[in-house]
Amino acid sequence: MKHAFLIIAYDNWWQLKRLIQLLDYKNHDIYIHIDKKSKDFDVNFFNNITDYSSVYFFQEYDVYWGGQLCKWNYYYFEKQIVIIMTIIICFLGWIYLS
C-alpha cells in the first residue's frame, strides 16, 4: 500500500531533513508545503536525501500559525488543502488518503 505524507513547514530545516530521511521508503511519497513567509528556505539543502521516496516541495501560500489564524484564512487555507489532496488522488494515482 502506498502512503502520502503531507507536511507544512516554516523553519528548522535540519529537523525537516531528518523527518524526510526517516520517512524514506519505497511506497512513500512526501509532499511538503513551505510557508511563503519563510525567507531562508533553500531547496538545495534537501537534494538527494532520499533513496526510495519521491519528495515534492511547494511554496505557494502564507500559512497562519496558532493565534494568528483568523476564521477567513482558515477556510481559505482548508479549501487549498482539499484542492491539493484532490490533485494527488486524481492525477497521481492515489486511491485512499487518511
PDB file of N, CA and C in Angstrom:
ATOM      1  N   MET A   1       0.842  -1.176   0.000  1.00  0.00           N
ATOM      2  CA  MET A   1       0.000   0.000   0.000  1.00  0.00           C
ATOM      3  C   MET A   1       0.891   1.243   0.000  1.00  0.00           C
ATOM      4  N   LYS A   2       0.551   2.201  -0.847  1.00  0.00           N
ATOM      5  CA  LYS A   2       1.299   3.459  -0.907  1.00  0.00           C
ATOM      6  C   LYS A   2       0.785   4.431   0.145  1.00  0.00           C
ATOM      7  N   HIS A   3       1.692   5.288   0.602  1.00  0.00           N
ATOM      8  CA  HIS A   3       1.346   6.307   1.588  1.00  0.00           C
ATOM      9  C   HIS A   3       1.818   7.663   1.087  1.00  0.00           C
ATOM     10  N   ALA A   4       1.001   8.683   1.314  1.00  0.00           N
ATOM     11  CA  ALA A   4       1.375  10.062   1.005  1.00  0.00           C
ATOM     12  C   ALA A   4       1.470  10.820   2.318  1.00  0.00           C
ATOM     13  N   PHE A   5       2.574  11.520   2.506  1.00  0.00           N
ATOM     14  CA  PHE A   5       2.763  12.354   3.687  1.00  0.00           C
ATOM     15  C   PHE A   5       2.672  13.808   3.254  1.00  0.00           C
ATOM     16  N   LEU A   6       1.756  14.556   3.866  1.00  0.00           N
ATOM     17  CA  LEU A   6       1.557  15.971   3.572  1.00  0.00           C
ATOM     18  C   LEU A   6       2.077  16.748   4.769  1.00  0.00           C
ATOM     19  N   ILE A   7       3.092  17.572   4.562  1.00  0.00           N
ATOM     20  CA  ILE A   7       3.768  18.271   5.647  1.00  0.00           C
ATOM     21  C   ILE A   7       3.747  19.768   5.359  1.00  0.00           C
ATOM     22  N   ILE A   8       3.519  20.570   6.405  1.00  0.00           N
ATOM     23  CA  ILE A   8       3.602  22.020   6.313  1.00  0.00           C
ATOM     24  C   ILE A   8       4.765  22.454   7.198  1.00  0.00           C
ATOM     25  N   ALA A   9       5.676  23.276   6.658  1.00  0.00           N
ATOM     26  CA  ALA A   9       6.854  23.674   7.422  1.00  0.00           C
ATOM     27  C   ALA A   9       7.131  25.159   7.263  1.00  0.00           C
ATOM     28  N   TYR A  10       7.838  25.708   8.249  1.00  0.00           N
ATOM     29  CA  TYR A  10       8.223  27.122   8.233  1.00  0.00           C
ATOM     30  C   TYR A  10       9.738  27.297   8.376  1.00  0.00           C
ATOM     31  N   ASP A  11      10.346  26.561   9.310  1.00  0.00           N
ATOM     32  CA  ASP A  11      11.793  26.623   9.510  1.00  0.00           C
ATOM     33  C   ASP A  11      12.258  25.321  10.171  1.00  0.00           C
ATOM     34  N   ASN A  12      13.388  25.344  10.866  1.00  0.00           N
ATOM     35  CA  ASN A  12      14.000  24.130  11.424  1.00  0.00           C
ATOM     36  C   ASN A  12      14.289  23.117  10.313  1.00  0.00           C
ATOM     37  N   TRP A  13      15.057  23.553   9.329  1.00  0.00           N
ATOM     38  CA  TRP A  13      15.292  22.736   8.130  1.00  0.00           C
ATOM     39  C   TRP A  13      16.025  21.443   8.438  1.00  0.00           C
ATOM     40  N   TRP A  14      16.942  21.453   9.396  1.00  0.00           N
ATOM     41  CA  TRP A  14      17.657  20.224   9.768  1.00  0.00           C
ATOM     42  C   TRP A  14      16.670  19.192  10.314  1.00  0.00           C
ATOM     43  N   GLN A  15      15.661  19.669  11.057  1.00  0.00           N
ATOM     44  CA  GLN A  15      14.652  18.764  11.605  1.00  0.00           C
ATOM     45  C   GLN A  15      13.765  18.203  10.491  1.00  0.00           C
ATOM     46  N   LEU A  16      13.385  19.039   9.547  1.00  0.00           N
ATOM     47  CA  LEU A  16      12.593  18.584   8.403  1.00  0.00           C
ATOM     48  C   LEU A  16      13.381  17.579   7.576  1.00  0.00           C
ATOM     49  N   LYS A  17      14.664  17.862   7.374  1.00  0.00           N
ATOM     50  CA  LYS A  17      15.508  16.940   6.616  1.00  0.00           C
ATOM     51  C   LYS A  17      15.557  15.573   7.292  1.00  0.00           C
ATOM     52  N   ARG A  18      15.697  15.559   8.605  1.00  0.00           N
ATOM     53  CA  ARG A  18      15.732  14.298   9.357  1.00  0.00           C
ATOM     54  C   ARG A  18      14.398  13.564   9.239  1.00  0.00           C
ATOM     55  N   LEU A  19      13.285  14.284   9.325  1.00  0.00           N
ATOM     56  CA  LEU A  19      11.964  13.658   9.184  1.00  0.00           C
ATOM     57  C   LEU A  19      11.820  13.012   7.809  1.00  0.00           C
ATOM     58  N   ILE A  20      12.250  13.708   6.768  1.00  0.00           N
ATOM     59  CA  ILE A  20      12.173  13.153   5.410  1.00  0.00           C
ATOM     60  C   ILE A  20      13.001  11.876   5.313  1.00  0.00           C
ATOM     61  N   GLN A  21      14.183  11.891   5.892  1.00  0.00           N
ATOM     62  CA  GLN A  21      15.042  10.702   5.865  1.00  0.00           C
ATOM     63  C   GLN A  21      14.389   9.537   6.613  1.00  0.00           C
ATOM     64  N   LEU A  22      13.699   9.825   7.702  1.00  0.00           N
ATOM     65  CA  LEU A  22      13.029   8.765   8.457  1.00  0.00           C
ATOM     66  C   LEU A  22      11.815   8.205   7.714  1.00  0.00           C
ATOM     67  N   LEU A  23      11.182   9.025   6.890  1.00  0.00           N
ATOM     68  CA  LEU A  23      10.008   8.590   6.127  1.00  0.00           C
ATOM     69  C   LEU A  23      10.385   7.909   4.811  1.00  0.00           C
ATOM     70  N   ASP A  24      11.644   7.927   4.465  1.00  0.00           N
ATOM     71  CA  ASP A  24      12.099   7.383   3.189  1.00  0.00           C
ATOM     72  C   ASP A  24      11.824   5.879   3.100  1.00  0.00           C
ATOM     73  N   TYR A  25      10.959   5.511   2.162  1.00  0.00           N
ATOM     74  CA  TYR A  25      10.575   4.114   1.953  1.00  0.00           C
ATOM     75  C   TYR A  25      10.009   4.007   0.547  1.00  0.00           C
ATOM     76  N   LYS A  26      10.111   2.859  -0.061  1.00  0.00           N
ATOM     77  CA  LYS A  26       9.730   2.721  -1.470  1.00  0.00           C
ATOM     78  C   LYS A  26       8.266   3.028  -1.761  1.00  0.00           C
ATOM     79  N   ASN A  27       7.381   2.868  -0.796  1.00  0.00           N
ATOM     80  CA  ASN A  27       5.953   3.117  -1.010  1.00  0.00           C
ATOM     81  C   ASN A  27       5.489   4.464  -0.467  1.00  0.00           C
ATOM     82  N   HIS A  28       6.413   5.372  -0.180  1.00  0.00           N
ATOM     83  CA  HIS A  28       6.060   6.667   0.393  1.00  0.00           C
ATOM     84  C   HIS A  28       6.337   7.793  -0.596  1.00  0.00           C
ATOM     85  N   ASP A  29       5.374   8.695  -0.713  1.00  0.00           N
ATOM     86  CA  ASP A  29       5.571   9.965  -1.410  1.00  0.00           C
ATOM     87  C   ASP A  29       5.419  11.060  -0.364  1.00  0.00           C
ATOM     88  N   ILE A  30       6.268  12.085  -0.432  1.00  0.00           N
ATOM     89  CA  ILE A  30       6.285  13.134   0.578  1.00  0.00           C
ATOM     90  C   ILE A  30       6.038  14.473  -0.109  1.00  0.00           C
ATOM     91  N   TYR A  31       4.986  15.171   0.321  1.00  0.00           N
ATOM     92  CA  TYR A  31       4.602  16.469  -0.221  1.00  0.00           C
ATOM     93  C   TYR A  31       4.769  17.497   0.885  1.00  0.00           C
ATOM     94  N   ILE A  32       5.576  18.518   0.630  1.00  0.00           N
ATOM     95  CA  ILE A  32       5.901  19.487   1.674  1.00  0.00           C
ATOM     96  C   ILE A  32       5.569  20.890   1.185  1.00  0.00           C
ATOM     97  N   HIS A  33       4.706  21.566   1.944  1.00  0.00           N
ATOM     98  CA  HIS A  33       4.421  22.967   1.652  1.00  0.00           C
ATOM     99  C   HIS A  33       5.242  23.818   2.611  1.00  0.00           C
ATOM    100  N   ILE A  34       6.064  24.696   2.054  1.00  0.00           N
ATOM    101  CA  ILE A  34       6.869  25.625   2.838  1.00  0.00           C
ATOM    102  C   ILE A  34       6.118  26.951   2.906  1.00  0.00           C
ATOM    103  N   ASP A  35       5.938  27.466   4.114  1.00  0.00           N
ATOM    104  CA  ASP A  35       5.254  28.742   4.310  1.00  0.00           C
ATOM    105  C   ASP A  35       5.892  29.808   3.414  1.00  0.00           C
ATOM    106  N   LYS A  36       5.064  30.520   2.681  1.00  0.00           N
ATOM    107  CA  LYS A  36       5.553  31.541   1.755  1.00  0.00           C
ATOM    108  C   LYS A  36       6.324  32.645   2.485  1.00  0.00           C
ATOM    109  N   LYS A  37       6.030  32.844   3.773  1.00  0.00           N
ATOM    110  CA  LYS A  37       6.721  33.866   4.554  1.00  0.00           C
ATOM    111  C   LYS A  37       8.125  33.437   4.973  1.00  0.00           C
ATOM    112  N   SER A  38       8.463  32.190   4.782  1.00  0.00           N
ATOM    113  CA  SER A  38       9.781  31.689   5.155  1.00  0.00           C
ATOM    114  C   SER A  38      10.817  32.241   4.179  1.00  0.00           C
ATOM    115  N   LYS A  39      11.790  32.960   4.703  1.00  0.00           N
ATOM    116  CA  LYS A  39      12.759  33.637   3.845  1.00  0.00           C
ATOM    117  C   LYS A  39      14.044  32.840   3.625  1.00  0.00           C
ATOM    118  N   ASP A  40      14.364  31.886   4.489  1.00  0.00           N
ATOM    119  CA  ASP A  40      15.661  31.219   4.398  1.00  0.00           C
ATOM    120  C   ASP A  40      15.576  29.790   3.859  1.00  0.00           C
ATOM    121  N   PHE A  41      14.470  29.435   3.209  1.00  0.00           N
ATOM    122  CA  PHE A  41      14.334  28.092   2.658  1.00  0.00           C
ATOM    123  C   PHE A  41      15.193  27.954   1.405  1.00  0.00           C
ATOM    124  N   ASP A  42      15.967  26.869   1.353  1.00  0.00           N
ATOM    125  CA  ASP A  42      16.798  26.575   0.186  1.00  0.00           C
ATOM    126  C   ASP A  42      16.578  25.106  -0.196  1.00  0.00           C
ATOM    127  N   VAL A  43      15.935  24.868  -1.316  1.00  0.00           N
ATOM    128  CA  VAL A  43      15.610  23.511  -1.735  1.00  0.00           C
ATOM    129  C   VAL A  43      16.870  22.675  -1.949  1.00  0.00           C
ATOM    130  N   ASN A  44      17.986  23.312  -2.252  1.00  0.00           N
ATOM    131  CA  ASN A  44      19.237  22.577  -2.468  1.00  0.00           C
ATOM    132  C   ASN A  44      19.721  21.846  -1.218  1.00  0.00           C
ATOM    133  N   PHE A  45      19.316  22.324  -0.041  1.00  0.00           N
ATOM    134  CA  PHE A  45      19.657  21.669   1.211  1.00  0.00           C
ATOM    135  C   PHE A  45      19.070  20.255   1.265  1.00  0.00           C
ATOM    136  N   PHE A  46      18.016  20.010   0.493  1.00  0.00           N
ATOM    137  CA  PHE A  46      17.295  18.735   0.523  1.00  0.00           C
ATOM    138  C   PHE A  46      17.601  17.845  -0.684  1.00  0.00           C
ATOM    139  N   ASN A  47      18.554  18.227  -1.510  1.00  0.00           N
ATOM    140  CA  ASN A  47      18.889  17.421  -2.692  1.00  0.00           C
ATOM    141  C   ASN A  47      19.423  16.051  -2.298  1.00  0.00           C
ATOM    142  N   ASN A  48      18.933  15.029  -2.971  1.00  0.00           N
ATOM    143  CA  ASN A  48      19.434  13.658  -2.831  1.00  0.00           C
ATOM    144  C   ASN A  48      19.431  13.124  -1.398  1.00  0.00           C
ATOM    145  N   ILE A  49      18.380  13.413  -0.634  1.00  0.00           N
ATOM    146  CA  ILE A  49      18.339  12.912   0.745  1.00  0.00           C
ATOM    147  C   ILE A  49      17.516  11.634   0.874  1.00  0.00           C
ATOM    148  N   THR A  50      16.811  11.254  -0.185  1.00  0.00           N
ATOM    149  CA  THR A  50      16.033  10.017  -0.123  1.00  0.00           C
ATOM    150  C   THR A  50      16.554   9.027  -1.161  1.00  0.00           C
ATOM    151  N   ASP A  51      16.416   7.767  -0.819  1.00  0.00           N
ATOM    152  CA  ASP A  51      16.802   6.701  -1.742  1.00  0.00           C
ATOM    153  C   ASP A  51      15.590   6.116  -2.460  1.00  0.00           C
ATOM    154  N   TYR A  52      14.436   6.160  -1.804  1.00  0.00           N
ATOM    155  CA  TYR A  52      13.250   5.480  -2.327  1.00  0.00           C
ATOM    156  C   TYR A  52      12.064   6.411  -2.571  1.00  0.00           C
ATOM    157  N   SER A  53      11.853   7.353  -1.696  1.00  0.00           N
ATOM    158  CA  SER A  53      10.663   8.209  -1.754  1.00  0.00           C
ATOM    159  C   SER A  53      10.823   9.328  -2.771  1.00  0.00           C
ATOM    160  N   SER A  54       9.694   9.756  -3.303  1.00  0.00           N
ATOM    161  CA  SER A  54       9.652  10.974  -4.105  1.00  0.00           C
ATOM    162  C   SER A  54       9.264  12.116  -3.173  1.00  0.00           C
ATOM    163  N   VAL A  55       9.993  13.226  -3.267  1.00  0.00           N
ATOM    164  CA  VAL A  55       9.747  14.378  -2.402  1.00  0.00           C
ATOM    165  C   VAL A  55       9.401  15.568  -3.290  1.00  0.00           C
ATOM    166  N   TYR A  56       8.288  16.252  -2.964  1.00  0.00           N
ATOM    167  CA  TYR A  56       7.808  17.393  -3.735  1.00  0.00           C
ATOM    168  C   TYR A  56       7.678  18.592  -2.807  1.00  0.00           C
ATOM    169  N   PHE A  57       8.259  19.736  -3.198  1.00  0.00           N
ATOM    170  CA  PHE A  57       8.173  20.961  -2.416  1.00  0.00           C
ATOM    171  C   PHE A  57       7.282  21.967  -3.120  1.00  0.00           C
ATOM    172  N   PHE A  58       6.472  22.682  -2.320  1.00  0.00           N
ATOM    173  CA  PHE A  58       5.618  23.756  -2.801  1.00  0.00           C
ATOM    174  C   PHE A  58       5.799  24.940  -1.866  1.00  0.00           C
ATOM    175  N   GLN A  59       5.762  26.152  -2.380  1.00  0.00           N
ATOM    176  CA  GLN A  59       5.833  27.347  -1.548  1.00  0.00           C
ATOM    177  C   GLN A  59       4.857  28.366  -2.117  1.00  0.00           C
ATOM    178  N   GLU A  60       3.574  28.056  -2.002  1.00  0.00           N
ATOM    179  CA  GLU A  60       2.538  28.830  -2.673  1.00  0.00           C
ATOM    180  C   GLU A  60       1.771  29.784  -1.767  1.00  0.00           C
ATOM    181  N   TYR A  61       1.592  29.460  -0.493  1.00  0.00           N
ATOM    182  CA  TYR A  61       0.662  30.190   0.360  1.00  0.00           C
ATOM    183  C   TYR A  61       1.307  30.640   1.662  1.00  0.00           C
ATOM    184  N   ASP A  62       0.816  31.774   2.193  1.00  0.00           N
ATOM    185  CA  ASP A  62       1.142  32.169   3.557  1.00  0.00           C
ATOM    186  C   ASP A  62       0.374  31.260   4.494  1.00  0.00           C
ATOM    187  N   VAL A  63       1.050  30.740   5.494  1.00  0.00           N
ATOM    188  CA  VAL A  63       0.400  29.898   6.495  1.00  0.00           C
ATOM    189  C   VAL A  63       0.285  30.718   7.769  1.00  0.00           C
ATOM    190  N   TYR A  64      -0.879  30.696   8.404  1.00  0.00           N
ATOM    191  CA  TYR A  64      -1.113  31.433   9.640  1.00  0.00           C
ATOM    192  C   TYR A  64      -1.100  30.443  10.783  1.00  0.00           C
ATOM    193  N   TRP A  65      -0.089  30.567  11.637  1.00  0.00           N
ATOM    194  CA  TRP A  65       0.160  29.606  12.707  1.00  0.00           C
ATOM    195  C   TRP A  65      -0.485  30.074  14.012  1.00  0.00           C
ATOM    196  N   GLY A  66      -1.081  29.133  14.743  1.00  0.00           N
ATOM    197  CA  GLY A  66      -1.565  29.391  16.106  1.00  0.00           C
ATOM    198  C   GLY A  66      -2.512  30.552  16.219  1.00  0.00           C
ATOM    199  N   GLY A  67      -2.220  31.498  17.107  1.00  0.00           N
ATOM    200  CA  GLY A  67      -3.087  32.622  17.424  1.00  0.00           C
ATOM    201  C   GLY A  67      -3.278  33.604  16.285  1.00  0.00           C
ATOM    202  N   GLN A  68      -2.442  33.570  15.279  1.00  0.00           N
ATOM    203  CA  GLN A  68      -2.569  34.494  14.158  1.00  0.00           C
ATOM    204  C   GLN A  68      -3.652  34.054  13.174  1.00  0.00           C
ATOM    205  N   LEU A  69      -4.217  32.908  13.420  1.00  0.00           N
ATOM    206  CA  LEU A  69      -5.190  32.338  12.489  1.00  0.00           C
ATOM    207  C   LEU A  69      -6.547  33.013  12.667  1.00  0.00           C
ATOM    208  N   CYS A  70      -7.081  33.575  11.611  1.00  0.00           N
ATOM    209  CA  CYS A  70      -8.435  34.108  11.683  1.00  0.00           C
ATOM    210  C   CYS A  70      -9.362  33.188  10.892  1.00  0.00           C
ATOM    211  N   LYS A  71     -10.639  33.317  11.131  1.00  0.00           N
ATOM    212  CA  LYS A  71     -11.611  32.399  10.537  1.00  0.00           C
ATOM    213  C   LYS A  71     -11.540  32.396   9.013  1.00  0.00           C
ATOM    214  N   TRP A  72     -11.456  33.563   8.382  1.00  0.00           N
ATOM    215  CA  TRP A  72     -11.437  33.620   6.923  1.00  0.00           C
ATOM    216  C   TRP A  72     -10.218  32.896   6.377  1.00  0.00           C
ATOM    217  N   ASN A  73      -9.049  33.131   6.956  1.00  0.00           N
ATOM    218  CA  ASN A  73      -7.829  32.496   6.470  1.00  0.00           C
ATOM    219  C   ASN A  73      -7.879  30.990   6.634  1.00  0.00           C
ATOM    220  N   TYR A  74      -8.490  30.525   7.736  1.00  0.00           N
ATOM    221  CA  TYR A  74      -8.597  29.085   7.965  1.00  0.00           C
ATOM    222  C   TYR A  74      -9.399  28.435   6.847  1.00  0.00           C
ATOM    223  N   TYR A  75     -10.552  29.000   6.508  1.00  0.00           N
ATOM    224  CA  TYR A  75     -11.382  28.406   5.466  1.00  0.00           C
ATOM    225  C   TYR A  75     -10.703  28.486   4.098  1.00  0.00           C
ATOM    226  N   TYR A  76      -9.995  29.559   3.823  1.00  0.00           N
ATOM    227  CA  TYR A  76      -9.279  29.690   2.561  1.00  0.00           C
ATOM    228  C   TYR A  76      -8.192  28.625   2.454  1.00  0.00           C
ATOM    229  N   PHE A  77      -7.406  28.484   3.523  1.00  0.00           N
ATOM    230  CA  PHE A  77      -6.322  27.511   3.510  1.00  0.00           C
ATOM    231  C   PHE A  77      -6.870  26.089   3.446  1.00  0.00           C
ATOM    232  N   GLU A  78      -7.952  25.817   4.186  1.00  0.00           N
ATOM    233  CA  GLU A  78      -8.570  24.486   4.163  1.00  0.00           C
ATOM    234  C   GLU A  78      -9.013  24.147   2.735  1.00  0.00           C
ATOM    235  N   LYS A  79      -9.571  25.108   2.025  1.00  0.00           N
ATOM    236  CA  LYS A  79     -10.001  24.905   0.640  1.00  0.00           C
ATOM    237  C   LYS A  79      -8.809  24.528  -0.240  1.00  0.00           C
ATOM    238  N   GLN A  80      -7.677  25.193  -0.052  1.00  0.00           N
ATOM    239  CA  GLN A  80      -6.494  24.897  -0.842  1.00  0.00           C
ATOM    240  C   GLN A  80      -5.975  23.484  -0.567  1.00  0.00           C
ATOM    241  N   ILE A  81      -6.001  23.075   0.688  1.00  0.00           N
ATOM    242  CA  ILE A  81      -5.561  21.717   1.037  1.00  0.00           C
ATOM    243  C   ILE A  81      -6.453  20.683   0.358  1.00  0.00           C
ATOM    244  N   VAL A  82      -7.756  20.909   0.331  1.00  0.00           N
ATOM    245  CA  VAL A  82      -8.670  19.987  -0.344  1.00  0.00           C
ATOM    246  C   VAL A  82      -8.335  19.910  -1.830  1.00  0.00           C
ATOM    247  N   ILE A  83      -8.025  21.038  -2.445  1.00  0.00           N
ATOM    248  CA  ILE A  83      -7.655  21.050  -3.861  1.00  0.00           C
ATOM    249  C   ILE A  83      -6.377  20.245  -4.085  1.00  0.00           C
ATOM    250  N   ILE A  84      -5.378  20.459  -3.243  1.00  0.00           N
ATOM    251  CA  ILE A  84      -4.114  19.736  -3.373  1.00  0.00           C
ATOM    252  C   ILE A  84      -4.335  18.233  -3.204  1.00  0.00           C
ATOM    253  N   MET A  85      -5.138  17.858  -2.208  1.00  0.00           N
ATOM    254  CA  MET A  85      -5.401  16.436  -1.987  1.00  0.00           C
ATOM    255  C   MET A  85      -6.150  15.832  -3.169  1.00  0.00           C
ATOM    256  N   THR A  86      -7.062  16.567  -3.760  1.00  0.00           N
ATOM    257  CA  THR A  86      -7.799  16.083  -4.932  1.00  0.00           C
ATOM    258  C   THR A  86      -6.848  15.853  -6.104  1.00  0.00           C
ATOM    259  N   ILE A  87      -5.907  16.763  -6.297  1.00  0.00           N
ATOM    260  CA  ILE A  87      -4.912  16.597  -7.367  1.00  0.00           C
ATOM    261  C   ILE A  87      -4.115  15.326  -7.143  1.00  0.00           C
ATOM    262  N   ILE A  88      -3.698  15.112  -5.914  1.00  0.00           N
ATOM    263  CA  ILE A  88      -2.925  13.911  -5.595  1.00  0.00           C
ATOM    264  C   ILE A  88      -3.736  12.657  -5.897  1.00  0.00           C
ATOM    265  N   ILE A  89      -4.983  12.651  -5.464  1.00  0.00           N
ATOM    266  CA  ILE A  89      -5.836  11.474  -5.661  1.00  0.00           C
ATOM    267  C   ILE A  89      -6.090  11.222  -7.147  1.00  0.00           C
ATOM    268  N   CYS A  90      -6.436  12.272  -7.879  1.00  0.00           N
ATOM    269  CA  CYS A  90      -6.849  12.092  -9.275  1.00  0.00           C
ATOM    270  C   CYS A  90      -5.693  11.894 -10.245  1.00  0.00           C
ATOM    271  N   PHE A  91      -4.649  12.668 -10.101  1.00  0.00           N
ATOM    272  CA  PHE A  91      -3.610  12.685 -11.115  1.00  0.00           C
ATOM    273  C   PHE A  91      -2.382  11.840 -10.779  1.00  0.00           C
ATOM    274  N   LEU A  92      -2.190  11.508  -9.534  1.00  0.00           N
ATOM    275  CA  LEU A  92      -1.019  10.747  -9.175  1.00  0.00           C
ATOM    276  C   LEU A  92      -1.345   9.311  -8.794  1.00  0.00           C
ATOM    277  N   GLY A  93      -2.584   8.910  -8.985  1.00  0.00           N
ATOM    278  CA  GLY A  93      -2.953   7.523  -8.796  1.00  0.00           C
ATOM    279  C   GLY A  93      -3.269   7.097  -7.377  1.00  0.00           C
ATOM    280  N   TRP A  94      -3.512   8.066  -6.501  1.00  0.00           N
ATOM    281  CA  TRP A  94      -3.856   7.703  -5.127  1.00  0.00           C
ATOM    282  C   TRP A  94      -5.317   7.306  -5.051  1.00  0.00           C
ATOM    283  N   ILE A  95      -5.593   6.298  -4.289  1.00  0.00           N
ATOM    284  CA  ILE A  95      -6.964   5.834  -4.110  1.00  0.00           C
ATOM    285  C   ILE A  95      -7.488   6.194  -2.732  1.00  0.00           C
ATOM    286  N   TYR A  96      -6.616   6.190  -1.723  1.00  0.00           N
ATOM    287  CA  TYR A  96      -7.057   6.395  -0.347  1.00  0.00           C
ATOM    288  C   TYR A  96      -6.057   7.255   0.399  1.00  0.00           C
ATOM    289  N   LEU A  97      -6.539   8.302   1.049  1.00  0.00           N
ATOM    290  CA  LEU A  97      -5.723   9.133   1.928  1.00  0.00           C
ATOM    291  C   LEU A  97      -6.404   9.213   3.283  1.00  0.00           C
ATOM    292  N   SER A  98      -5.622   9.170   4.334  1.00  0.00           N
ATOM    293  CA  SER A  98      -6.229   9.327   5.667  1.00  0.00           C
ATOM    294  C   SER A  98      -5.447  10.329   6.477  1.00  0.00           C
TER     295      SER A  98
END
